[in-house]
Amino acid sequence: MSDTRVGGESRRSTRVALKIVISVQGLSEPLSCDGETIVVNRHGALISSSVPLRDELKIKIEVVITGMRADAKVVHVDREQPQVCGIALEKPENIWDLSLPPDDWYDNAHQA
């Protein structure tokens, strides 16, 4: 799961399989739904939402259990499963609250 290359495409940070409950609010249009993450990284996630989302939709993600929030944008919608989409966080961060994130999730300035 720590492979930073998926489908021949280079990733900016390691992906981690993680299922957590999220809520999604539309920023660029009225929308409110629940969902869950499938895979996360420092730059975004693959999520499943209770309603289909559209490409380029600006959203706010909230991790229900921690209350952590971040602005994001839908960057990919699965054509065969329109409720599964990829999102990019506006600012890369560990919104998912992983206690031991992969080394490449740290900013160089904040690395321990």
C-alpha atoms as a PDB file:
ATOM      1  CA  MET A   1       0.000   0.000   0.000  1.00  0.00           C
ATOM      2  CA  SER A   2       2.959   2.294   0.267  1.00  0.00           C
ATOM      3  CA  ASP A   3       3.624   2.189  -3.474  1.00  0.00           C
ATOM      4  CA  THR A   4       3.784   5.754  -4.727  1.00  0.00           C
ATOM      5  CA  ARG A   5       3.175   4.646  -8.319  1.00  0.00           C
ATOM      6  CA  VAL A   6      -0.321   3.565  -9.309  1.00  0.00           C
ATOM      7  CA  GLY A   7      -1.138   2.660 -12.901  1.00  0.00           C
ATOM      8  CA  GLY A   8       2.214   4.012 -14.090  1.00  0.00           C
ATOM      9  CA  GLU A   9       1.368   7.455 -12.730  1.00  0.00           C
ATOM     10  CA  SER A  10       3.723   9.055 -10.223  1.00  0.00           C
ATOM     11  CA  ARG A  11       2.075  10.136  -6.948  1.00  0.00           C
ATOM     12  CA  ARG A  12       3.020  13.176  -4.911  1.00  0.00           C
ATOM     13  CA  SER A  13       2.603  11.291  -1.623  1.00  0.00           C
ATOM     14  CA  THR A  14       2.083   7.702  -0.527  1.00  0.00           C
ATOM     15  CA  ARG A  15      -1.460   6.381  -0.670  1.00  0.00           C
ATOM     16  CA  VAL A  16      -2.900   4.620   2.377  1.00  0.00           C
ATOM     17  CA  ALA A  17      -6.047   2.473   2.355  1.00  0.00           C
ATOM     18  CA  LEU A  18      -8.273   4.039   5.006  1.00  0.00           C
ATOM     19  CA  LYS A  19     -12.026   3.871   5.507  1.00  0.00           C
ATOM     20  CA  ILE A  20     -13.342   6.823   7.520  1.00  0.00           C
ATOM     21  CA  VAL A  21     -16.711   8.564   7.502  1.00  0.00           C
ATOM     22  CA  ILE A  22     -16.747  12.044   5.959  1.00  0.00           C
ATOM     23  CA  SER A  23     -19.287  14.730   5.187  1.00  0.00           C
ATOM     24  CA  VAL A  24     -19.137  16.759   1.989  1.00  0.00           C
ATOM     25  CA  GLN A  25     -20.440  20.316   1.574  1.00  0.00           C
ATOM     26  CA  GLY A  26     -20.547  22.101  -1.766  1.00  0.00           C
ATOM     27  CA  LEU A  27     -18.645  25.395  -1.927  1.00  0.00           C
ATOM     28  CA  SER A  28     -19.361  26.293  -5.546  1.00  0.00           C
ATOM     29  CA  GLU A  29     -22.984  25.071  -5.447  1.00  0.00           C
ATOM     30  CA  PRO A  30     -25.521  23.830  -2.872  1.00  0.00           C
ATOM     31  CA  LEU A  31     -24.671  20.265  -1.879  1.00  0.00           C
ATOM     32  CA  SER A  32     -24.542  18.250   1.311  1.00  0.00           C
ATOM     33  CA  CYS A  33     -23.914  14.512   1.547  1.00  0.00           C
ATOM     34  CA  ASP A  34     -22.186  11.807   3.533  1.00  0.00           C
ATOM     35  CA  GLY A  35     -19.472   9.508   2.329  1.00  0.00           C
ATOM     36  CA  GLU A  36     -16.337   7.638   3.233  1.00  0.00           C
ATOM     37  CA  THR A  37     -12.753   7.507   2.161  1.00  0.00           C
ATOM     38  CA  ILE A  38     -11.347   4.509   0.299  1.00  0.00           C
ATOM     39  CA  VAL A  39      -7.712   5.567  -0.103  1.00  0.00           C
ATOM     40  CA  VAL A  40      -6.072   8.728   1.264  1.00  0.00           C
ATOM     41  CA  ASN A  41      -2.822  10.617   0.825  1.00  0.00           C
ATOM     42  CA  ARG A  42      -1.482  14.001   1.888  1.00  0.00           C
ATOM     43  CA  HIS A  43      -2.816  15.612  -1.297  1.00  0.00           C
ATOM     44  CA  GLY A  44      -6.312  14.130  -1.435  1.00  0.00           C
ATOM     45  CA  ALA A  45      -8.325  10.935  -1.467  1.00  0.00           C
ATOM     46  CA  LEU A  46     -10.458   8.501  -3.358  1.00  0.00           C
ATOM     47  CA  ILE A  47     -13.913   8.744  -1.788  1.00  0.00           C
ATOM     48  CA  SER A  48     -17.354   7.222  -2.121  1.00  0.00           C
ATOM     49  CA  SER A  49     -20.228   9.681  -1.614  1.00  0.00           C
ATOM     50  CA  SER A  50     -23.946   9.153  -1.085  1.00  0.00           C
ATOM     51  CA  VAL A  51     -24.677  11.217  -4.211  1.00  0.00           C
ATOM     52  CA  PRO A  52     -22.692  11.491  -7.459  1.00  0.00           C
ATOM     53  CA  LEU A  53     -20.305  14.459  -7.561  1.00  0.00           C
ATOM     54  CA  ARG A  54     -19.048  16.197 -10.704  1.00  0.00           C
ATOM     55  CA  ASP A  55     -15.586  17.059 -11.997  1.00  0.00           C
ATOM     56  CA  GLU A  56     -14.220  20.419 -10.839  1.00  0.00           C
ATOM     57  CA  LEU A  57     -16.800  20.741  -8.032  1.00  0.00           C
ATOM     58  CA  LYS A  58     -15.354  22.742  -5.124  1.00  0.00           C
ATOM     59  CA  ILE A  59     -16.165  21.121  -1.801  1.00  0.00           C
ATOM     60  CA  LYS A  60     -15.406  21.166   1.913  1.00  0.00           C
ATOM     61  CA  ILE A  61     -14.563  17.779   3.440  1.00  0.00           C
ATOM     62  CA  GLU A  62     -15.064  17.080   7.136  1.00  0.00           C
ATOM     63  CA  VAL A  63     -13.762  13.999   8.904  1.00  0.00           C
ATOM     64  CA  VAL A  64     -16.758  13.226  11.104  1.00  0.00           C
ATOM     65  CA  ILE A  65     -14.911  11.578  14.023  1.00  0.00           C
ATOM     66  CA  THR A  66     -12.317  14.387  14.454  1.00  0.00           C
ATOM     67  CA  GLY A  67     -14.106  17.424  13.029  1.00  0.00           C
ATOM     68  CA  MET A  68     -11.032  18.192  10.884  1.00  0.00           C
ATOM     69  CA  ARG A  69     -11.968  20.076   7.698  1.00  0.00           C
ATOM     70  CA  ALA A  70     -10.363  21.075   4.433  1.00  0.00           C
ATOM     71  CA  ASP A  71     -11.345  22.656   1.127  1.00  0.00           C
ATOM     72  CA  ALA A  72     -10.933  20.401  -1.884  1.00  0.00           C
ATOM     73  CA  LYS A  73     -11.903  19.935  -5.521  1.00  0.00           C
ATOM     74  CA  VAL A  74     -13.247  16.887  -7.351  1.00  0.00           C
ATOM     75  CA  VAL A  75     -10.568  15.940  -9.876  1.00  0.00           C
ATOM     76  CA  HIS A  76     -11.877  12.590 -11.135  1.00  0.00           C
ATOM     77  CA  VAL A  77     -15.254  10.853 -11.305  1.00  0.00           C
ATOM     78  CA  ASP A  78     -15.410   7.107 -12.043  1.00  0.00           C
ATOM     79  CA  ARG A  79     -17.659   6.757 -15.102  1.00  0.00           C
ATOM     80  CA  GLU A  80     -18.794   3.263 -14.101  1.00  0.00           C
ATOM     81  CA  GLN A  81     -19.358   4.219 -10.453  1.00  0.00           C
ATOM     82  CA  PRO A  82     -20.240   7.963 -10.444  1.00  0.00           C
ATOM     83  CA  GLN A  83     -20.380   8.057  -6.651  1.00  0.00           C
ATOM     84  CA  VAL A  84     -16.662   7.186  -6.494  1.00  0.00           C
ATOM     85  CA  CYS A  85     -14.382  10.129  -7.128  1.00  0.00           C
ATOM     86  CA  GLY A  86     -10.917  11.471  -6.577  1.00  0.00           C
ATOM     87  CA  ILE A  87     -10.482  14.731  -4.692  1.00  0.00           C
ATOM     88  CA  ALA A  88      -7.504  17.063  -4.358  1.00  0.00           C
ATOM     89  CA  LEU A  89      -7.061  19.024  -1.145  1.00  0.00           C
ATOM     90  CA  GLU A  90      -6.533  22.760  -1.660  1.00  0.00           C
ATOM     91  CA  LYS A  91      -3.604  22.597   0.791  1.00  0.00           C
ATOM     92  CA  PRO A  92      -1.759  19.279   1.279  1.00  0.00           C
ATOM     93  CA  GLU A  93      -2.174  18.142   4.880  1.00  0.00           C
ATOM     94  CA  ASN A  94      -2.949  15.161   7.085  1.00  0.00           C
ATOM     95  CA  ILE A  95      -6.657  15.948   7.469  1.00  0.00           C
ATOM     96  CA  TRP A  96      -7.165  12.192   7.867  1.00  0.00           C
ATOM     97  CA  ASP A  97      -5.371  12.354  11.248  1.00  0.00           C
ATOM     98  CA  LEU A  98      -3.096   9.362  10.651  1.00  0.00           C
ATOM     99  CA  SER A  99      -1.003   8.965  13.800  1.00  0.00           C
ATOM    100  CA  LEU A 100       1.950   7.476  11.862  1.00  0.00           C
ATOM    101  CA  PRO A 101       1.742   8.899   8.331  1.00  0.00           C
ATOM    102  CA  PRO A 102       4.285   7.847   5.664  1.00  0.00           C
ATOM    103  CA  ASP A 103       7.542   9.833   5.684  1.00  0.00           C
ATOM    104  CA  ASP A 104       6.656  11.673   2.468  1.00  0.00           C
ATOM    105  CA  TRP A 105       3.593  13.245   4.143  1.00  0.00           C
ATOM    106  CA  TYR A 106       5.770  15.602   6.164  1.00  0.00           C
ATOM    107  CA  ASP A 107       6.851  19.058   5.019  1.00  0.00           C
ATOM    108  CA  ASN A 108      10.632  19.259   4.977  1.00  0.00           C
ATOM    109  CA  ALA A 109      10.422  22.137   7.466  1.00  0.00           C
ATOM    110  CA  HIS A 110       8.291  20.066   9.884  1.00  0.00           C
ATOM    111  CA  GLN A 111      10.022  16.726   9.530  1.00  0.00           C
ATOM    112  CA  ALA A 112      11.096  15.137  12.806  1.00  0.00           C
END
